[in-house]
Amino acid sequence: RSGISTDYKDSVKGRFTISRDNAKNTVTLQMNSLKPEDTGVY
C-alpha cells in the first residue's frame, strides 16, 4: 500500500518491475527480456 515494498516471482526477478502512481490511480508492470514462458493472461 505504501509503495515502498515490492516483490516478484523468482522467474521474473530482474526482468519485471512493478510500480504505482497514487496520483493517477494506476499500477504498472514493466516487462523486459520477455520469454515464451511469460505467455498468459495477466
PDB file of all heavy atoms in Angstrom:
ATOM      1  N   ARG A   1       0.828  -1.196   0.000  1.00  0.00           N
ATOM      2  CA  ARG A   1       0.000   0.000   0.000  1.00  0.00           C
ATOM      3  C   ARG A   1       0.866   1.252   0.000  1.00  0.00           C
ATOM      4  O   ARG A   1       0.545   2.235  -0.657  1.00  0.00           O
ATOM      5  CB  ARG A   1      -0.931  -0.015   1.219  1.00  0.00           C
ATOM      6  CG  ARG A   1      -1.730   1.245   1.359  1.00  0.00           C
ATOM      7  CD  ARG A   1      -2.658   1.233   2.563  1.00  0.00           C
ATOM      8  NE  ARG A   1      -3.091   2.609   2.842  1.00  0.00           N
ATOM      9  CZ  ARG A   1      -3.944   2.965   3.773  1.00  0.00           C
ATOM     10  NH1 ARG A   1      -4.483   2.031   4.558  1.00  0.00           N
ATOM     11  NH2 ARG A   1      -4.262   4.214   3.954  1.00  0.00           N
ATOM     12  N   SER A   2       1.956   1.221   0.750  1.00  0.00           N
ATOM     13  CA  SER A   2       2.843   2.381   0.838  1.00  0.00           C
ATOM     14  C   SER A   2       3.618   2.621  -0.456  1.00  0.00           C
ATOM     15  O   SER A   2       4.110   3.723  -0.683  1.00  0.00           O
ATOM     16  CB  SER A   2       3.848   2.185   1.974  1.00  0.00           C
ATOM     17  OG  SER A   2       4.749   1.130   1.656  1.00  0.00           O
ATOM     18  N   GLY A   3       3.747   1.580  -1.264  1.00  0.00           N
ATOM     19  CA  GLY A   3       4.575   1.680  -2.461  1.00  0.00           C
ATOM     20  C   GLY A   3       6.047   1.448  -2.192  1.00  0.00           C
ATOM     21  O   GLY A   3       6.847   1.384  -3.124  1.00  0.00           O
ATOM     22  N   ILE A   4       6.407   1.300  -0.932  1.00  0.00           N
ATOM     23  CA  ILE A   4       7.813   1.146  -0.563  1.00  0.00           C
ATOM     24  C   ILE A   4       8.321  -0.253  -0.860  1.00  0.00           C
ATOM     25  O   ILE A   4       9.450  -0.455  -1.298  1.00  0.00           O
ATOM     26  CB  ILE A   4       8.007   1.488   0.920  1.00  0.00           C
ATOM     27  CG1 ILE A   4       7.753   2.977   1.147  1.00  0.00           C
ATOM     28  CG2 ILE A   4       9.402   1.096   1.388  1.00  0.00           C
ATOM     29  CD1 ILE A   4       7.789   3.385   2.605  1.00  0.00           C
ATOM     30  N   SER A   5       7.471  -1.250  -0.591  1.00  0.00           N
ATOM     31  CA  SER A   5       7.900  -2.652  -0.746  1.00  0.00           C
ATOM     32  C   SER A   5       7.343  -3.260  -2.018  1.00  0.00           C
ATOM     33  O   SER A   5       6.172  -3.060  -2.351  1.00  0.00           O
ATOM     34  CB  SER A   5       7.417  -3.471   0.449  1.00  0.00           C
ATOM     35  OG  SER A   5       7.968  -2.982   1.653  1.00  0.00           O
ATOM     36  N   THR A   6       8.205  -4.009  -2.694  1.00  0.00           N
ATOM     37  CA  THR A   6       7.803  -4.781  -3.863  1.00  0.00           C
ATOM     38  C   THR A   6       8.418  -6.167  -3.777  1.00  0.00           C
ATOM     39  O   THR A   6       9.425  -6.378  -3.088  1.00  0.00           O
ATOM     40  CB  THR A   6       8.260  -4.118  -5.175  1.00  0.00           C
ATOM     41  OG1 THR A   6       9.691  -4.006  -5.172  1.00  0.00           O
ATOM     42  CG2 THR A   6       7.656  -2.729  -5.349  1.00  0.00           C
ATOM     43  N   ASP A   7       7.818  -7.102  -4.477  1.00  0.00           N
ATOM     44  CA  ASP A   7       8.396  -8.441  -4.541  1.00  0.00           C
ATOM     45  C   ASP A   7       7.914  -9.114  -5.821  1.00  0.00           C
ATOM     46  O   ASP A   7       6.906  -8.707  -6.405  1.00  0.00           O
ATOM     47  CB  ASP A   7       8.013  -9.276  -3.324  1.00  0.00           C
ATOM     48  CG  ASP A   7       9.020 -10.390  -3.049  1.00  0.00           C
ATOM     49  OD1 ASP A   7      10.020 -10.514  -3.808  1.00  0.00           O
ATOM     50  OD2 ASP A   7       8.811 -11.154  -2.091  1.00  0.00           O
ATOM     51  N   TYR A   8       8.679 -10.138  -6.218  1.00  0.00           N
ATOM     52  CA  TYR A   8       8.448 -10.744  -7.524  1.00  0.00           C
ATOM     53  C   TYR A   8       8.554 -12.263  -7.466  1.00  0.00           C
ATOM     54  O   TYR A   8       9.293 -12.823  -6.645  1.00  0.00           O
ATOM     55  CB  TYR A   8       9.492 -10.223  -8.514  1.00  0.00           C
ATOM     56  CG  TYR A   8       9.472  -8.727  -8.673  1.00  0.00           C
ATOM     57  CD1 TYR A   8      10.225  -7.910  -7.836  1.00  0.00           C
ATOM     58  CD2 TYR A   8       8.679  -8.122  -9.648  1.00  0.00           C
ATOM     59  CE1 TYR A   8      10.187  -6.534  -7.961  1.00  0.00           C
ATOM     60  CE2 TYR A   8       8.644  -6.740  -9.780  1.00  0.00           C
ATOM     61  CZ  TYR A   8       9.394  -5.959  -8.936  1.00  0.00           C
ATOM     62  OH  TYR A   8       9.356  -4.595  -9.069  1.00  0.00           O
ATOM     63  N   LYS A   9       7.860 -12.892  -8.372  1.00  0.00           N
ATOM     64  CA  LYS A   9       8.060 -14.320  -8.609  1.00  0.00           C
ATOM     65  C   LYS A   9       9.519 -14.503  -9.053  1.00  0.00           C
ATOM     66  O   LYS A   9      10.062 -13.676  -9.794  1.00  0.00           O
ATOM     67  CB  LYS A   9       7.104 -14.751  -9.720  1.00  0.00           C
ATOM     68  CG  LYS A   9       7.118 -16.208 -10.102  1.00  0.00           C
ATOM     69  CD  LYS A   9       6.126 -16.436 -11.237  1.00  0.00           C
ATOM     70  CE  LYS A   9       6.125 -17.881 -11.694  1.00  0.00           C
ATOM     71  NZ  LYS A   9       5.526 -18.767 -10.674  1.00  0.00           N
ATOM     72  N   ASP A  10      10.145 -15.571  -8.573  1.00  0.00           N
ATOM     73  CA  ASP A  10      11.566 -15.762  -8.847  1.00  0.00           C
ATOM     74  C   ASP A  10      11.893 -15.709 -10.338  1.00  0.00           C
ATOM     75  O   ASP A  10      12.914 -15.144 -10.748  1.00  0.00           O
ATOM     76  CB  ASP A  10      12.039 -17.103  -8.271  1.00  0.00           C
ATOM     77  CG  ASP A  10      12.212 -17.066  -6.771  1.00  0.00           C
ATOM     78  OD1 ASP A  10      12.219 -15.956  -6.200  1.00  0.00           O
ATOM     79  OD2 ASP A  10      12.317 -18.139  -6.163  1.00  0.00           O
ATOM     80  N   SER A  11      11.036 -16.265 -11.153  1.00  0.00           N
ATOM     81  CA  SER A  11      11.332 -16.368 -12.577  1.00  0.00           C
ATOM     82  C   SER A  11      11.304 -15.031 -13.307  1.00  0.00           C
ATOM     83  O   SER A  11      11.760 -14.947 -14.454  1.00  0.00           O
ATOM     84  CB  SER A  11      10.358 -17.339 -13.253  1.00  0.00           C
ATOM     85  OG  SER A  11       9.028 -16.863 -13.149  1.00  0.00           O
ATOM     86  N   VAL A  12      10.779 -13.984 -12.661  1.00  0.00           N
ATOM     87  CA  VAL A  12      10.717 -12.679 -13.325  1.00  0.00           C
ATOM     88  C   VAL A  12      11.610 -11.644 -12.667  1.00  0.00           C
ATOM     89  O   VAL A  12      11.713 -10.513 -13.162  1.00  0.00           O
ATOM     90  CB  VAL A  12       9.262 -12.143 -13.399  1.00  0.00           C
ATOM     91  CG1 VAL A  12       8.331 -13.194 -13.995  1.00  0.00           C
ATOM     92  CG2 VAL A  12       8.764 -11.660 -12.059  1.00  0.00           C
ATOM     93  N   LYS A  13      12.243 -12.004 -11.577  1.00  0.00           N
ATOM     94  CA  LYS A  13      13.118 -11.054 -10.880  1.00  0.00           C
ATOM     95  C   LYS A  13      14.220 -10.577 -11.814  1.00  0.00           C
ATOM     96  O   LYS A  13      14.851 -11.353 -12.514  1.00  0.00           O
ATOM     97  CB  LYS A  13      13.717 -11.702  -9.635  1.00  0.00           C
ATOM     98  CG  LYS A  13      12.740 -11.810  -8.482  1.00  0.00           C
ATOM     99  CD  LYS A  13      13.382 -12.410  -7.246  1.00  0.00           C
ATOM    100  CE  LYS A  13      12.380 -12.477  -6.101  1.00  0.00           C
ATOM    101  NZ  LYS A  13      12.946 -13.106  -4.886  1.00  0.00           N
ATOM    102  N   GLY A  14      14.438  -9.266 -11.807  1.00  0.00           N
ATOM    103  CA  GLY A  14      15.451  -8.681 -12.675  1.00  0.00           C
ATOM    104  C   GLY A  14      14.939  -8.330 -14.056  1.00  0.00           C
ATOM    105  O   GLY A  14      15.629  -7.638 -14.811  1.00  0.00           O
ATOM    106  N   ARG A  15      13.737  -8.808 -14.387  1.00  0.00           N
ATOM    107  CA  ARG A  15      13.162  -8.519 -15.712  1.00  0.00           C
ATOM    108  C   ARG A  15      11.888  -7.677 -15.612  1.00  0.00           C
ATOM    109  O   ARG A  15      11.608  -6.875 -16.507  1.00  0.00           O
ATOM    110  CB  ARG A  15      12.850  -9.821 -16.449  1.00  0.00           C
ATOM    111  CG  ARG A  15      14.052 -10.723 -16.673  1.00  0.00           C
ATOM    112  CD  ARG A  15      13.694 -11.903 -17.585  1.00  0.00           C
ATOM    113  NE  ARG A  15      12.705 -12.799 -16.986  1.00  0.00           N
ATOM    114  CZ  ARG A  15      11.529 -13.081 -17.539  1.00  0.00           C
ATOM    115  NH1 ARG A  15      11.183 -12.522 -18.699  1.00  0.00           N
ATOM    116  NH2 ARG A  15      10.697 -13.933 -16.950  1.00  0.00           N
ATOM    117  N   PHE A  16      11.124  -7.882 -14.559  1.00  0.00           N
ATOM    118  CA  PHE A  16       9.857  -7.170 -14.391  1.00  0.00           C
ATOM    119  C   PHE A  16       9.992  -6.149 -13.265  1.00  0.00           C
ATOM    120  O   PHE A  16      10.701  -6.374 -12.282  1.00  0.00           O
ATOM    121  CB  PHE A  16       8.738  -8.143 -14.027  1.00  0.00           C
ATOM    122  CG  PHE A  16       8.293  -9.064 -15.126  1.00  0.00           C
ATOM    123  CD1 PHE A  16       9.009  -9.222 -16.297  1.00  0.00           C
ATOM    124  CD2 PHE A  16       7.115  -9.791 -14.988  1.00  0.00           C
ATOM    125  CE1 PHE A  16       8.581 -10.074 -17.309  1.00  0.00           C
ATOM    126  CE2 PHE A  16       6.676 -10.648 -15.981  1.00  0.00           C
ATOM    127  CZ  PHE A  16       7.418 -10.794 -17.132  1.00  0.00           C
ATOM    128  N   THR A  17       9.256  -5.045 -13.413  1.00  0.00           N
ATOM    129  CA  THR A  17       9.214  -4.024 -12.380  1.00  0.00           C
ATOM    130  C   THR A  17       7.781  -3.565 -12.172  1.00  0.00           C
ATOM    131  O   THR A  17       7.111  -3.160 -13.131  1.00  0.00           O
ATOM    132  CB  THR A  17      10.080  -2.808 -12.755  1.00  0.00           C
ATOM    133  OG1 THR A  17      11.428  -3.238 -12.999  1.00  0.00           O
ATOM    134  CG2 THR A  17      10.077  -1.782 -11.632  1.00  0.00           C
ATOM    135  N   ILE A  18       7.341  -3.622 -10.924  1.00  0.00           N
ATOM    136  CA  ILE A  18       6.008  -3.127 -10.579  1.00  0.00           C
ATOM    137  C   ILE A  18       6.151  -1.760  -9.936  1.00  0.00           C
ATOM    138  O   ILE A  18       7.088  -1.514  -9.161  1.00  0.00           O
ATOM    139  CB  ILE A  18       5.267  -4.111  -9.642  1.00  0.00           C
ATOM    140  CG1 ILE A  18       3.820  -3.672  -9.420  1.00  0.00           C
ATOM    141  CG2 ILE A  18       6.014  -4.275  -8.320  1.00  0.00           C
ATOM    142  CD1 ILE A  18       2.970  -4.697  -8.661  1.00  0.00           C
ATOM    143  N   SER A  19       5.233  -0.861 -10.255  1.00  0.00           N
ATOM    144  CA  SER A  19       5.242   0.460  -9.654  1.00  0.00           C
ATOM    145  C   SER A  19       3.815   0.966  -9.559  1.00  0.00           C
ATOM    146  O   SER A  19       2.917   0.446 -10.236  1.00  0.00           O
ATOM    147  CB  SER A  19       6.105   1.422 -10.473  1.00  0.00           C
ATOM    148  OG  SER A  19       5.609   1.554 -11.794  1.00  0.00           O
ATOM    149  N   ARG A  20       3.616   1.973  -8.746  1.00  0.00           N
ATOM    150  CA  ARG A  20       2.294   2.560  -8.604  1.00  0.00           C
ATOM    151  C   ARG A  20       2.394   4.068  -8.587  1.00  0.00           C
ATOM    152  O   ARG A  20       3.397   4.637  -8.140  1.00  0.00           O
ATOM    153  CB  ARG A  20       1.598   2.044  -7.344  1.00  0.00           C
ATOM    154  CG  ARG A  20       2.208   2.487  -6.039  1.00  0.00           C
ATOM    155  CD  ARG A  20       1.541   1.762  -4.857  1.00  0.00           C
ATOM    156  NE  ARG A  20       0.121   2.111  -4.755  1.00  0.00           N
ATOM    157  CZ  ARG A  20      -0.775   1.382  -4.089  1.00  0.00           C
ATOM    158  NH1 ARG A  20      -0.390   0.259  -3.473  1.00  0.00           N
ATOM    159  NH2 ARG A  20      -2.019   1.774  -4.022  1.00  0.00           N
ATOM    160  N   ASP A  21       1.331   4.697  -9.070  1.00  0.00           N
ATOM    161  CA  ASP A  21       1.213   6.151  -9.062  1.00  0.00           C
ATOM    162  C   ASP A  21      -0.134   6.467  -8.437  1.00  0.00           C
ATOM    163  O   ASP A  21      -1.167   6.381  -9.114  1.00  0.00           O
ATOM    164  CB  ASP A  21       1.328   6.693 -10.487  1.00  0.00           C
ATOM    165  CG  ASP A  21       1.347   8.212 -10.531  1.00  0.00           C
ATOM    166  OD1 ASP A  21       0.848   8.849  -9.585  1.00  0.00           O
ATOM    167  OD2 ASP A  21       1.844   8.756 -11.524  1.00  0.00           O
ATOM    168  N   ASN A  22      -0.126   6.812  -7.176  1.00  0.00           N
ATOM    169  CA  ASN A  22      -1.389   7.064  -6.472  1.00  0.00           C
ATOM    170  C   ASN A  22      -2.103   8.309  -6.998  1.00  0.00           C
ATOM    171  O   ASN A  22      -3.328   8.410  -6.908  1.00  0.00           O
ATOM    172  CB  ASN A  22      -1.144   7.186  -4.974  1.00  0.00           C
ATOM    173  CG  ASN A  22      -0.806   5.856  -4.331  1.00  0.00           C
ATOM    174  OD1 ASN A  22      -0.979   4.796  -4.927  1.00  0.00           O
ATOM    175  ND2 ASN A  22      -0.306   5.894  -3.109  1.00  0.00           N
ATOM    176  N   ALA A  23      -1.360   9.246  -7.519  1.00  0.00           N
ATOM    177  CA  ALA A  23      -1.980  10.453  -8.074  1.00  0.00           C
ATOM    178  C   ALA A  23      -2.782  10.133  -9.336  1.00  0.00           C
ATOM    179  O   ALA A  23      -3.780  10.785  -9.634  1.00  0.00           O
ATOM    180  CB  ALA A  23      -0.925  11.495  -8.377  1.00  0.00           C
ATOM    181  N   LYS A  24      -2.338   9.115 -10.072  1.00  0.00           N
ATOM    182  CA  LYS A  24      -3.018   8.728 -11.312  1.00  0.00           C
ATOM    183  C   LYS A  24      -3.856   7.463 -11.147  1.00  0.00           C
ATOM    184  O   LYS A  24      -4.452   6.988 -12.110  1.00  0.00           O
ATOM    185  CB  LYS A  24      -1.986   8.508 -12.416  1.00  0.00           C
ATOM    186  CG  LYS A  24      -1.228   9.772 -12.800  1.00  0.00           C
ATOM    187  CD  LYS A  24      -0.263   9.495 -13.935  1.00  0.00           C
ATOM    188  CE  LYS A  24       0.463  10.769 -14.332  1.00  0.00           C
ATOM    189  NZ  LYS A  24       1.433  10.535 -15.440  1.00  0.00           N
ATOM    190  N   ASN A  25      -3.861   6.896  -9.938  1.00  0.00           N
ATOM    191  CA  ASN A  25      -4.640   5.680  -9.663  1.00  0.00           C
ATOM    192  C   ASN A  25      -4.265   4.542 -10.605  1.00  0.00           C
ATOM    193  O   ASN A  25      -5.138   3.845 -11.151  1.00  0.00           O
ATOM    194  CB  ASN A  25      -6.143   5.947  -9.761  1.00  0.00           C
ATOM    195  CG  ASN A  25      -6.651   6.806  -8.623  1.00  0.00           C
ATOM    196  OD1 ASN A  25      -5.908   7.153  -7.706  1.00  0.00           O
ATOM    197  ND2 ASN A  25      -7.916   7.179  -8.697  1.00  0.00           N
ATOM    198  N   THR A  26      -2.981   4.358 -10.779  1.00  0.00           N
ATOM    199  CA  THR A  26      -2.527   3.309 -11.678  1.00  0.00           C
ATOM    200  C   THR A  26      -1.408   2.474 -11.056  1.00  0.00           C
ATOM    201  O   THR A  26      -0.633   2.969 -10.224  1.00  0.00           O
ATOM    202  CB  THR A  26      -2.008   3.877 -13.008  1.00  0.00           C
ATOM    203  OG1 THR A  26      -0.939   4.773 -12.741  1.00  0.00           O
ATOM    204  CG2 THR A  26      -3.093   4.588 -13.783  1.00  0.00           C
ATOM    205  N   VAL A  27      -1.366   1.230 -11.453  1.00  0.00           N
ATOM    206  CA  VAL A  27      -0.244   0.358 -11.140  1.00  0.00           C
ATOM    207  C   VAL A  27       0.260  -0.201 -12.465  1.00  0.00           C
ATOM    208  O   VAL A  27      -0.538  -0.530 -13.354  1.00  0.00           O
ATOM    209  CB  VAL A  27      -0.629  -0.752 -10.146  1.00  0.00           C
ATOM    210  CG1 VAL A  27      -1.723  -1.651 -10.680  1.00  0.00           C
ATOM    211  CG2 VAL A  27       0.591  -1.553  -9.743  1.00  0.00           C
ATOM    212  N   THR A  28       1.558  -0.277 -12.584  1.00  0.00           N
ATOM    213  CA  THR A  28       2.186  -0.630 -13.853  1.00  0.00           C
ATOM    214  C   THR A  28       3.110  -1.823 -13.669  1.00  0.00           C
ATOM    215  O   THR A  28       3.740  -1.970 -12.619  1.00  0.00           O
ATOM    216  CB  THR A  28       2.979   0.572 -14.383  1.00  0.00           C
ATOM    217  OG1 THR A  28       2.090   1.665 -14.596  1.00  0.00           O
ATOM    218  CG2 THR A  28       3.656   0.238 -15.692  1.00  0.00           C
ATOM    219  N   LEU A  29       3.169  -2.653 -14.685  1.00  0.00           N
ATOM    220  CA  LEU A  29       4.125  -3.753 -14.696  1.00  0.00           C
ATOM    221  C   LEU A  29       4.962  -3.614 -15.958  1.00  0.00           C
ATOM    222  O   LEU A  29       4.467  -3.831 -17.071  1.00  0.00           O
ATOM    223  CB  LEU A  29       3.416  -5.102 -14.670  1.00  0.00           C
ATOM    224  CG  LEU A  29       4.347  -6.318 -14.554  1.00  0.00           C
ATOM    225  CD1 LEU A  29       5.000  -6.349 -13.172  1.00  0.00           C
ATOM    226  CD2 LEU A  29       3.577  -7.621 -14.796  1.00  0.00           C
ATOM    227  N   GLN A  30       6.210  -3.221 -15.791  1.00  0.00           N
ATOM    228  CA  GLN A  30       7.148  -3.139 -16.905  1.00  0.00           C
ATOM    229  C   GLN A  30       7.813  -4.493 -17.065  1.00  0.00           C
ATOM    230  O   GLN A  30       8.423  -5.006 -16.115  1.00  0.00           O
ATOM    231  CB  GLN A  30       8.195  -2.063 -16.639  1.00  0.00           C
ATOM    232  CG  GLN A  30       9.257  -1.948 -17.717  1.00  0.00           C
ATOM    233  CD  GLN A  30       8.701  -1.462 -19.037  1.00  0.00           C
ATOM    234  OE1 GLN A  30       7.888  -0.538 -19.074  1.00  0.00           O
ATOM    235  NE2 GLN A  30       9.121  -2.080 -20.132  1.00  0.00           N
ATOM    236  N   MET A  31       7.676  -5.067 -18.247  1.00  0.00           N
ATOM    237  CA  MET A  31       8.201  -6.407 -18.503  1.00  0.00           C
ATOM    238  C   MET A  31       9.258  -6.333 -19.597  1.00  0.00           C
ATOM    239  O   MET A  31       8.951  -5.969 -20.736  1.00  0.00           O
ATOM    240  CB  MET A  31       7.066  -7.347 -18.911  1.00  0.00           C
ATOM    241  CG  MET A  31       5.905  -7.368 -17.927  1.00  0.00           C
ATOM    242  SD  MET A  31       4.670  -8.625 -18.306  1.00  0.00           S
ATOM    243  CE  MET A  31       4.042  -8.016 -19.865  1.00  0.00           C
ATOM    244  N   ASN A  32      10.472  -6.681 -19.245  1.00  0.00           N
ATOM    245  CA  ASN A  32      11.591  -6.670 -20.181  1.00  0.00           C
ATOM    246  C   ASN A  32      12.124  -8.082 -20.377  1.00  0.00           C
ATOM    247  O   ASN A  32      11.861  -8.978 -19.580  1.00  0.00           O
ATOM    248  CB  ASN A  32      12.700  -5.760 -19.666  1.00  0.00           C
ATOM    249  CG  ASN A  32      12.259  -4.325 -19.507  1.00  0.00           C
ATOM    250  OD1 ASN A  32      11.422  -3.829 -20.261  1.00  0.00           O
ATOM    251  ND2 ASN A  32      12.828  -3.641 -18.529  1.00  0.00           N
ATOM    252  N   SER A  33      12.893  -8.250 -21.428  1.00  0.00           N
ATOM    253  CA  SER A  33      13.521  -9.546 -21.729  1.00  0.00           C
ATOM    254  C   SER A  33      12.504 -10.675 -21.656  1.00  0.00           C
ATOM    255  O   SER A  33      12.726 -11.710 -21.022  1.00  0.00           O
ATOM    256  CB  SER A  33      14.674  -9.812 -20.752  1.00  0.00           C
ATOM    257  OG  SER A  33      15.637  -8.786 -20.816  1.00  0.00           O
ATOM    258  N   LEU A  34      11.392 -10.475 -22.303  1.00  0.00           N
ATOM    259  CA  LEU A  34      10.299 -11.434 -22.224  1.00  0.00           C
ATOM    260  C   LEU A  34      10.670 -12.780 -22.827  1.00  0.00           C
ATOM    261  O   LEU A  34      11.442 -12.856 -23.800  1.00  0.00           O
ATOM    262  CB  LEU A  34       9.063 -10.870 -22.907  1.00  0.00           C
ATOM    263  CG  LEU A  34       8.306  -9.829 -22.066  1.00  0.00           C
ATOM    264  CD1 LEU A  34       7.404  -8.976 -22.927  1.00  0.00           C
ATOM    265  CD2 LEU A  34       7.516 -10.515 -20.963  1.00  0.00           C
ATOM    266  N   LYS A  35      10.115 -13.812 -22.224  1.00  0.00           N
ATOM    267  CA  LYS A  35      10.360 -15.187 -22.648  1.00  0.00           C
ATOM    268  C   LYS A  35       9.033 -15.847 -23.017  1.00  0.00           C
ATOM    269  O   LYS A  35       7.972 -15.429 -22.510  1.00  0.00           O
ATOM    270  CB  LYS A  35      11.007 -15.971 -21.511  1.00  0.00           C
ATOM    271  CG  LYS A  35      12.300 -15.367 -20.995  1.00  0.00           C
ATOM    272  CD  LYS A  35      12.819 -16.152 -19.807  1.00  0.00           C
ATOM    273  CE  LYS A  35      14.119 -15.551 -19.267  1.00  0.00           C
ATOM    274  NZ  LYS A  35      14.644 -16.315 -18.103  1.00  0.00           N
ATOM    275  N   PRO A  36       9.063 -16.872 -23.847  1.00  0.00           N
ATOM    276  CA  PRO A  36       7.810 -17.558 -24.192  1.00  0.00           C
ATOM    277  C   PRO A  36       7.051 -18.049 -22.958  1.00  0.00           C
ATOM    278  O   PRO A  36       5.807 -18.038 -22.959  1.00  0.00           O
ATOM    279  CB  PRO A  36       8.281 -18.722 -25.056  1.00  0.00           C
ATOM    280  CG  PRO A  36       9.531 -18.206 -25.711  1.00  0.00           C
ATOM    281  CD  PRO A  36      10.185 -17.360 -24.669  1.00  0.00           C
ATOM    282  N   GLU A  37       7.742 -18.406 -21.916  1.00  0.00           N
ATOM    283  CA  GLU A  37       7.071 -18.880 -20.706  1.00  0.00           C
ATOM    284  C   GLU A  37       6.388 -17.769 -19.930  1.00  0.00           C
ATOM    285  O   GLU A  37       5.695 -18.034 -18.940  1.00  0.00           O
ATOM    286  CB  GLU A  37       8.053 -19.629 -19.787  1.00  0.00           C
ATOM    287  CG  GLU A  37       9.332 -18.884 -19.480  1.00  0.00           C
ATOM    288  CD  GLU A  37      10.473 -19.292 -20.395  1.00  0.00           C
ATOM    289  OE1 GLU A  37      10.251 -19.454 -21.618  1.00  0.00           O
ATOM    290  OE2 GLU A  37      11.605 -19.431 -19.870  1.00  0.00           O
ATOM    291  N   ASP A  38       6.552 -16.528 -20.346  1.00  0.00           N
ATOM    292  CA  ASP A  38       5.811 -15.415 -19.753  1.00  0.00           C
ATOM    293  C   ASP A  38       4.416 -15.274 -20.355  1.00  0.00           C
ATOM    294  O   ASP A  38       3.622 -14.444 -19.910  1.00  0.00           O
ATOM    295  CB  ASP A  38       6.569 -14.095 -19.946  1.00  0.00           C
ATOM    296  CG  ASP A  38       7.892 -14.064 -19.200  1.00  0.00           C
ATOM    297  OD1 ASP A  38       7.944 -14.561 -18.060  1.00  0.00           O
ATOM    298  OD2 ASP A  38       8.870 -13.538 -19.764  1.00  0.00           O
ATOM    299  N   THR A  39       4.128 -16.053 -21.351  1.00  0.00           N
ATOM    300  CA  THR A  39       2.823 -16.005 -22.008  1.00  0.00           C
ATOM    301  C   THR A  39       1.707 -16.344 -21.040  1.00  0.00           C
ATOM    302  O   THR A  39       1.818 -17.271 -20.229  1.00  0.00           O
ATOM    303  CB  THR A  39       2.796 -16.977 -23.199  1.00  0.00           C
ATOM    304  OG1 THR A  39       3.707 -16.508 -24.198  1.00  0.00           O
ATOM    305  CG2 THR A  39       1.406 -17.080 -23.794  1.00  0.00           C
ATOM    306  N   GLY A  40       0.633 -15.586 -21.129  1.00  0.00           N
ATOM    307  CA  GLY A  40      -0.536 -15.852 -20.292  1.00  0.00           C
ATOM    308  C   GLY A  40      -1.448 -14.650 -20.224  1.00  0.00           C
ATOM    309  O   GLY A  40      -1.184 -13.621 -20.849  1.00  0.00           O
ATOM    310  N   VAL A  41      -2.505 -14.803 -19.460  1.00  0.00           N
ATOM    311  CA  VAL A  41      -3.395 -13.687 -19.182  1.00  0.00           C
ATOM    312  C   VAL A  41      -2.934 -13.047 -17.879  1.00  0.00           C
ATOM    313  O   VAL A  41      -2.793 -13.734 -16.862  1.00  0.00           O
ATOM    314  CB  VAL A  41      -4.859 -14.134 -19.074  1.00  0.00           C
ATOM    315  CG1 VAL A  41      -5.757 -12.935 -18.772  1.00  0.00           C
ATOM    316  CG2 VAL A  41      -5.301 -14.822 -20.359  1.00  0.00           C
ATOM    317  N   TYR A  42      -2.720 -11.758 -17.933  1.00  0.00           N
ATOM    318  CA  TYR A  42      -2.228 -11.019 -16.774  1.00  0.00           C
ATOM    319  C   TYR A  42      -3.380 -10.251 -16.134  1.00  0.00           C
ATOM    320  O   TYR A  42      -4.114  -9.528 -16.824  1.00  0.00           O
ATOM    321  CB  TYR A  42      -1.122 -10.058 -17.190  1.00  0.00           C
ATOM    322  CG  TYR A  42       0.200 -10.756 -17.414  1.00  0.00           C
ATOM    323  CD1 TYR A  42       0.371 -11.583 -18.523  1.00  0.00           C
ATOM    324  CD2 TYR A  42       1.258 -10.616 -16.527  1.00  0.00           C
ATOM    325  CE1 TYR A  42       1.577 -12.251 -18.735  1.00  0.00           C
ATOM    326  CE2 TYR A  42       2.465 -11.269 -16.728  1.00  0.00           C
ATOM    327  CZ  TYR A  42       2.615 -12.085 -17.830  1.00  0.00           C
ATOM    328  OH  TYR A  42       3.807 -12.737 -18.037  1.00  0.00           O
TER     329      TYR A  42
END
